[in-house]
Amino acid sequence: MSNLISVILVMVCVVQRSNVSEALRFEVASGATKCISEEIKHDAMTVGKYKVISPIDGHPVPDNHRITARVTSPRGNHYHYKDVVESGIFAFTAAETGDYMTCFWAPYNNPPSKILIDFEWKTGIDARDWYNVARKGQIDLVDVELRKLYDSVKSIHEEMFYLREREEEMQLLNKSTKSKMATFSLVSIILVLSVAALQLWHLKSYFERKKLL
């Protein structure tokens, strides 16, 4: 029993560490586009925040440093779009499994410049605002930790089913590939034997015409 609890705790720690999302800071050159992808499972919640850093500390972001942001699904559906902004927030529940793309476009500037952007993207358990959950529900920190632990175990359960489905898909793909290879090999053998028989028939006909046989 103690070994089972230890395994569950280790898996919870792994899931929590895998869900942790650190803020990114990167530069986008004038007229260029920077895209970041995140693999999100079906029905998983995701939250993103981005903000342009002013090139001069203590001063507002200049107009020529405003960006265009867009979030798209694996099938190209738009989940978020903002034009000429200095910051933004998006949040949605994924309708499909796959790689979601967040792209930032910087306008052309003369002279050329680089725009510094802070970006944070959280998915799954980490996307939930536990502080507001505790404050709105008027619950203590122990209950919050228990809820986080419950969601972690639930996430592990869903991840196991997801991996099992992927394994079944891979097995079906392997069976299909083996079946196609067997069919291709059989067709190749039949084709080779047919060509060999045709060559023998042609040689036999040639020798008979030449009265060599």
Protein backbone atom coordinates (compact mmCIF):
# COMPACT_ATOMS: atom_id res chain seq x y z
CA MET A 1 0.00 0.00 0.00
CA SER A 2 2.80 2.38 0.89
CA ASN A 3 4.53 1.61 -2.41
CA LEU A 4 1.33 2.46 -4.30
CA ILE A 5 1.04 5.80 -2.47
CA SER A 6 4.67 6.56 -3.26
CA VAL A 7 4.11 5.85 -6.95
CA ILE A 8 1.03 8.09 -7.02
CA LEU A 9 2.91 10.93 -5.31
CA VAL A 10 5.78 10.61 -7.78
CA MET A 11 3.35 10.71 -10.70
CA VAL A 12 1.63 13.76 -9.21
CA CYS A 13 4.97 15.54 -8.91
CA VAL A 14 5.81 14.68 -12.52
CA VAL A 15 2.47 16.01 -13.77
CA GLN A 16 2.77 19.18 -11.71
CA ARG A 17 6.30 19.80 -12.98
CA SER A 18 5.22 19.13 -16.56
CA ASN A 19 2.36 21.62 -16.19
CA VAL A 20 4.56 24.41 -14.84
CA SER A 21 4.97 27.10 -17.45
CA GLU A 22 7.69 29.69 -17.09
CA ALA A 23 7.34 33.13 -18.62
CA LEU A 24 9.20 33.62 -21.89
CA ARG A 25 10.91 36.82 -22.95
CA PHE A 26 11.92 37.18 -26.59
CA GLU A 27 12.48 39.77 -29.30
CA VAL A 28 10.61 40.22 -32.57
CA ALA A 29 12.26 42.24 -35.32
CA SER A 30 10.35 44.87 -37.30
CA GLY A 31 8.15 43.25 -39.93
CA ALA A 32 8.87 39.76 -38.59
CA THR A 33 6.66 37.12 -36.99
CA LYS A 34 7.42 34.93 -33.99
CA CYS A 35 5.30 31.81 -33.38
CA ILE A 36 5.19 29.52 -30.35
CA SER A 37 3.38 26.19 -30.33
CA GLU A 38 1.91 24.24 -27.44
CA GLU A 39 0.47 20.73 -27.54
CA ILE A 40 -2.93 20.79 -25.83
CA LYS A 41 -5.29 17.90 -25.27
CA HIS A 42 -9.02 17.94 -25.93
CA ASP A 43 -11.07 19.66 -23.18
CA ALA A 44 -7.93 21.04 -21.50
CA MET A 45 -8.03 24.63 -20.31
CA THR A 46 -5.30 27.04 -21.39
CA VAL A 47 -4.48 30.63 -20.43
CA GLY A 48 -1.97 32.98 -22.01
CA LYS A 49 -0.72 36.48 -21.20
CA TYR A 50 1.57 38.68 -23.27
CA LYS A 51 2.95 42.17 -22.84
CA VAL A 52 5.29 44.42 -24.78
CA ILE A 53 8.20 45.75 -22.71
CA SER A 54 8.89 49.44 -23.19
CA PRO A 55 12.34 50.11 -24.68
CA ILE A 56 12.78 52.91 -22.12
CA ASP A 57 12.26 51.99 -18.48
CA GLY A 58 9.52 53.97 -16.80
CA HIS A 59 8.02 55.20 -20.08
CA PRO A 60 4.88 53.98 -21.85
CA VAL A 61 5.13 51.69 -24.85
CA PRO A 62 5.49 53.77 -28.04
CA ASP A 63 2.90 53.37 -30.78
CA ASN A 64 5.42 51.80 -33.18
CA HIS A 65 6.02 48.99 -30.66
CA ARG A 66 2.45 47.69 -30.65
CA ILE A 67 1.96 44.18 -31.98
CA THR A 68 -0.60 41.86 -33.53
CA ALA A 69 -1.31 38.57 -31.72
CA ARG A 70 -3.18 35.53 -32.98
CA VAL A 71 -3.91 32.08 -31.53
CA THR A 72 -4.97 29.28 -33.87
CA SER A 73 -5.94 25.64 -33.44
CA PRO A 74 -4.41 22.67 -35.32
CA ARG A 75 -7.20 23.04 -37.90
CA GLY A 76 -6.66 26.77 -38.32
CA ASN A 77 -9.56 28.03 -36.20
CA HIS A 78 -8.94 31.39 -34.50
CA TYR A 79 -9.24 31.47 -30.71
CA HIS A 80 -7.75 34.90 -30.16
CA TYR A 81 -6.88 37.89 -32.33
CA LYS A 82 -5.75 41.37 -31.29
CA ASP A 83 -4.37 44.04 -33.60
CA VAL A 84 -2.07 46.93 -32.64
CA VAL A 85 -1.95 46.22 -28.89
CA GLU A 86 0.72 46.32 -26.23
CA SER A 87 -0.72 43.51 -24.07
CA GLY A 88 -3.44 40.91 -24.03
CA ILE A 89 -4.89 37.81 -22.38
CA PHE A 90 -6.53 34.76 -23.91
CA ALA A 91 -8.23 31.77 -22.30
CA PHE A 92 -10.16 28.90 -23.82
CA THR A 93 -10.89 25.20 -23.56
CA ALA A 94 -9.35 23.19 -26.37
CA ALA A 95 -11.92 21.66 -28.71
CA GLU A 96 -9.39 19.30 -30.28
CA THR A 97 -6.06 17.67 -29.50
CA GLY A 98 -2.97 18.96 -31.24
CA ASP A 99 -0.46 21.79 -31.53
CA TYR A 100 -1.95 25.23 -30.93
CA MET A 101 -0.02 28.19 -32.31
CA THR A 102 0.41 31.67 -30.88
CA CYS A 103 1.98 34.14 -33.32
CA PHE A 104 3.17 37.72 -32.73
CA TRP A 105 3.71 40.10 -35.63
CA ALA A 106 5.72 43.31 -35.29
CA PRO A 107 4.99 46.25 -37.62
CA TYR A 108 7.57 47.69 -39.99
CA ASN A 109 9.63 50.47 -38.46
CA ASN A 110 12.12 52.85 -40.03
CA PRO A 111 14.80 52.60 -38.79
CA PRO A 112 14.34 48.88 -38.00
CA SER A 113 13.97 47.97 -34.34
CA LYS A 114 13.28 44.99 -32.12
CA ILE A 115 10.25 44.60 -29.85
CA LEU A 116 10.71 42.83 -26.51
CA ILE A 117 7.74 40.68 -25.43
CA ASP A 118 6.93 38.87 -22.18
CA PHE A 119 4.77 35.81 -22.79
CA GLU A 120 3.34 33.24 -20.37
CA TRP A 121 1.28 30.24 -21.50
CA LYS A 122 -0.24 27.83 -19.00
CA THR A 123 -2.15 24.65 -19.76
CA GLY A 124 -4.01 22.09 -17.69
CA ILE A 125 -3.93 22.27 -13.90
CA ASP A 126 -1.50 25.16 -13.88
CA ALA A 127 -3.94 27.28 -15.91
CA ARG A 128 -6.39 27.39 -13.03
CA ASP A 129 -6.27 30.40 -10.72
CA TRP A 130 -6.17 28.65 -7.36
CA TYR A 131 -5.87 31.89 -5.41
CA ASN A 132 -9.21 33.15 -6.74
CA VAL A 133 -10.74 29.71 -6.18
CA ALA A 134 -9.76 29.85 -2.52
CA ARG A 135 -10.87 33.47 -2.12
CA LYS A 136 -14.24 33.05 -3.83
CA GLY A 137 -14.99 29.74 -2.17
CA GLN A 138 -13.75 30.90 1.24
CA ILE A 139 -11.74 27.73 1.77
CA ASP A 140 -8.42 27.29 3.54
CA LEU A 141 -5.07 26.38 2.04
CA VAL A 142 -5.37 22.72 3.04
CA ASP A 143 -8.55 22.36 0.99
CA VAL A 144 -6.87 24.13 -1.92
CA GLU A 145 -3.93 21.71 -1.80
CA LEU A 146 -6.34 18.76 -1.64
CA ARG A 147 -8.21 20.08 -4.68
CA LYS A 148 -4.94 20.55 -6.52
CA LEU A 149 -3.94 17.00 -5.60
CA TYR A 150 -7.30 15.70 -6.80
CA ASP A 151 -6.95 17.53 -10.10
CA SER A 152 -3.40 16.18 -10.45
CA VAL A 153 -4.59 12.60 -9.96
CA LYS A 154 -7.44 13.24 -12.39
CA SER A 155 -4.95 14.61 -14.90
CA ILE A 156 -2.81 11.48 -14.48
CA HIS A 157 -5.88 9.32 -15.06
CA GLU A 158 -6.75 11.22 -18.24
CA GLU A 159 -3.13 11.11 -19.40
CA MET A 160 -3.04 7.33 -18.95
CA PHE A 161 -6.19 6.94 -21.05
CA TYR A 162 -4.73 9.29 -23.67
CA LEU A 163 -1.50 7.29 -23.85
CA ARG A 164 -3.51 4.08 -24.05
CA GLU A 165 -5.49 5.46 -26.99
CA ARG A 166 -2.27 6.53 -28.70
CA GLU A 167 -0.83 3.05 -28.13
CA GLU A 168 -3.92 1.46 -29.69
CA GLU A 169 -3.64 3.82 -32.66
CA MET A 170 0.02 2.87 -33.10
CA GLN A 171 -0.84 -0.83 -32.94
CA LEU A 172 -3.53 -0.38 -35.59
CA LEU A 173 -1.07 1.57 -37.71
CA ASN A 174 1.56 -1.18 -37.34
CA LYS A 175 -0.98 -3.85 -38.31
CA SER A 176 -2.08 -1.81 -41.30
CA THR A 177 1.54 -1.25 -42.36
CA LYS A 178 2.38 -4.96 -42.03
CA SER A 179 -0.71 -5.89 -44.05
CA LYS A 180 0.21 -3.42 -46.79
CA MET A 181 3.82 -4.65 -46.84
CA ALA A 182 2.66 -8.28 -47.11
CA THR A 183 0.34 -7.36 -49.98
CA PHE A 184 3.10 -5.39 -51.70
CA SER A 185 5.55 -8.30 -51.30
CA LEU A 186 3.03 -10.75 -52.74
CA VAL A 187 2.30 -8.49 -55.71
CA SER A 188 6.05 -8.01 -56.27
CA ILE A 189 6.65 -11.78 -56.27
CA ILE A 190 3.78 -12.37 -58.69
CA LEU A 191 5.08 -9.60 -60.95
CA VAL A 192 8.64 -10.99 -60.93
CA LEU A 193 7.41 -14.51 -61.70
CA SER A 194 5.19 -13.18 -64.49
CA VAL A 195 8.09 -11.28 -66.06
CA ALA A 196 10.32 -14.37 -65.79
CA ALA A 197 7.66 -16.57 -67.41
CA LEU A 198 7.18 -14.00 -70.19
CA GLN A 199 10.93 -13.91 -70.84
CA LEU A 200 11.10 -17.72 -71.00
CA TRP A 201 8.16 -17.81 -73.40
CA HIS A 202 9.78 -15.13 -75.57
CA LEU A 203 13.12 -16.97 -75.66
CA LYS A 204 11.41 -20.26 -76.46
CA SER A 205 9.46 -18.66 -79.31
CA TYR A 206 12.65 -17.06 -80.65
CA PHE A 207 14.58 -20.34 -80.65
CA GLU A 208 11.67 -22.16 -82.28
CA ARG A 209 11.55 -19.57 -85.08
CA LYS A 210 15.28 -19.96 -85.58
CA LYS A 211 14.79 -23.74 -85.52
CA LEU A 212 17.30 -24.05 -82.73
CA LEU A 213 14.93 -26.20 -80.69
